[in-house]
Amino acid sequence: WATWCGPCKMSIPHLVDLYNKYREEGVEVVGVSLDQQGPAIVKPFASAFKINYPIVMGNQKVVTDFGGVRGIPTMILFKNGAPAATKVGAAPKSALKGWLEAEL
């Protein structure tokens, strides 16, 4: 995701809500910011959007290591430590919830 990405801005509140709902069941959300300006721009954004899950700064190596990113936001669901499913682009909360529940 990135602070300048409109679809990311639409998805973040859904991820915050889903994290709140499912973290007791062991679900973790980790945001990987691709903002080139670094933490100086990401920290105020995270505060404004009330992001309550960990955020790390990504770079081209991270993108490559995950097989490339066709667009952002890209959500990768890991199950038992391995990628299980990928979703590119914004989605309604109900779709993200259904996607997550199908893998739980």
Protein backbone atom coordinates (compact mmCIF):
# COMPACT_ATOMS: atom_id res chain seq x y z
CA TRP A 1 0.00 0.00 0.00
CA ALA A 2 0.97 3.65 -0.17
CA THR A 3 -0.31 6.86 1.37
CA TRP A 4 -1.06 8.34 -2.08
CA CYS A 5 -3.12 5.32 -3.23
CA GLY A 6 -6.88 5.93 -3.31
CA PRO A 7 -7.89 2.24 -3.29
CA CYS A 8 -5.49 1.70 -0.36
CA LYS A 9 -7.20 4.49 1.57
CA MET A 10 -10.53 2.76 0.93
CA SER A 11 -9.22 -0.63 2.10
CA ILE A 12 -7.38 0.39 5.27
CA PRO A 13 -10.51 0.99 7.42
CA HIS A 14 -11.77 -2.47 6.40
CA LEU A 15 -8.45 -4.05 7.41
CA VAL A 16 -8.54 -2.23 10.76
CA ASP A 17 -12.06 -3.54 11.42
CA LEU A 18 -11.22 -7.09 10.33
CA TYR A 19 -8.07 -7.07 12.43
CA ASN A 20 -10.09 -5.99 15.46
CA LYS A 21 -12.61 -8.76 14.84
CA TYR A 22 -10.24 -11.66 14.09
CA ARG A 23 -7.00 -11.01 15.95
CA GLU A 24 -8.23 -13.08 18.92
CA GLU A 25 -8.42 -15.99 16.47
CA GLY A 26 -4.77 -15.54 15.55
CA VAL A 27 -5.21 -13.36 12.46
CA GLU A 28 -2.41 -10.86 11.96
CA VAL A 29 -2.37 -7.95 9.56
CA VAL A 30 0.93 -6.41 8.51
CA GLY A 31 0.92 -3.39 6.24
CA VAL A 32 3.86 -3.02 3.88
CA SER A 33 4.18 0.59 2.80
CA LEU A 34 5.79 1.26 -0.55
CA ASP A 35 6.07 5.01 0.09
CA GLN A 36 9.51 6.15 -1.04
CA GLN A 37 9.41 9.10 1.40
CA GLY A 38 9.67 6.64 4.27
CA PRO A 39 8.35 6.72 7.83
CA ALA A 40 8.12 10.52 7.92
CA ILE A 41 5.06 10.39 5.68
CA VAL A 42 3.73 6.99 6.79
CA LYS A 43 3.56 7.67 10.55
CA PRO A 44 1.15 10.63 10.38
CA PHE A 45 -0.95 8.78 7.80
CA ALA A 46 -1.16 5.70 10.05
CA SER A 47 -2.21 7.87 12.96
CA ALA A 48 -4.88 9.67 10.92
CA PHE A 49 -6.29 6.36 9.64
CA LYS A 50 -6.07 4.78 13.12
CA ILE A 51 -4.04 1.86 11.79
CA ASN A 52 -3.68 -0.54 14.72
CA TYR A 53 -1.67 -3.26 13.03
CA PRO A 54 2.10 -3.31 12.39
CA ILE A 55 3.47 -1.43 9.40
CA VAL A 56 6.83 -2.07 7.79
CA MET A 57 8.54 -0.16 5.02
CA GLY A 58 8.87 -2.08 1.79
CA ASN A 59 11.20 -1.65 -1.17
CA GLN A 60 11.82 -3.25 -4.55
CA LYS A 61 13.42 -6.31 -2.92
CA VAL A 62 10.28 -6.94 -0.87
CA VAL A 63 8.13 -6.60 -4.00
CA THR A 64 10.40 -9.04 -5.86
CA ASP A 65 10.52 -11.49 -2.95
CA PHE A 66 6.73 -11.70 -2.96
CA GLY A 67 6.62 -12.49 -6.66
CA GLY A 68 6.00 -8.96 -7.86
CA VAL A 69 3.10 -6.63 -7.27
CA ARG A 70 0.78 -5.89 -10.19
CA GLY A 71 -0.98 -3.08 -8.37
CA ILE A 72 -1.73 -1.70 -4.95
CA PRO A 73 -3.24 -2.49 -2.67
CA THR A 74 -2.16 -6.09 -2.90
CA MET A 75 -3.28 -8.33 -0.06
CA ILE A 76 -1.55 -11.63 0.49
CA LEU A 77 -3.14 -14.09 2.86
CA PHE A 78 -0.68 -16.43 4.54
CA LYS A 79 -1.77 -19.70 6.05
CA ASN A 80 0.64 -21.83 8.06
CA GLY A 81 3.46 -19.49 7.05
CA ALA A 82 2.95 -19.75 3.29
CA PRO A 83 1.05 -17.54 0.83
CA ALA A 84 -2.43 -19.01 0.39
CA ALA A 85 -4.27 -16.36 -1.63
CA THR A 86 -3.71 -12.95 -3.20
CA LYS A 87 -6.16 -10.13 -3.85
CA VAL A 88 -5.21 -7.06 -5.91
CA GLY A 89 -7.18 -3.83 -5.62
CA ALA A 90 -9.74 -2.45 -3.26
CA ALA A 91 -12.69 -4.59 -2.23
CA PRO A 92 -15.76 -4.02 -0.08
CA LYS A 93 -15.43 -5.06 3.53
CA SER A 94 -17.90 -7.91 2.98
CA ALA A 95 -15.72 -9.35 0.21
CA LEU A 96 -12.56 -9.13 2.35
CA LYS A 97 -14.41 -10.72 5.26
CA GLY A 98 -15.64 -13.59 3.06
CA TRP A 99 -12.16 -14.08 1.62
CA LEU A 100 -10.64 -14.21 5.09
CA GLU A 101 -13.31 -16.47 6.59
CA ALA A 102 -12.96 -18.94 3.71
CA GLU A 103 -9.32 -19.43 4.69
CA LEU A 104 -9.78 -19.61 8.48
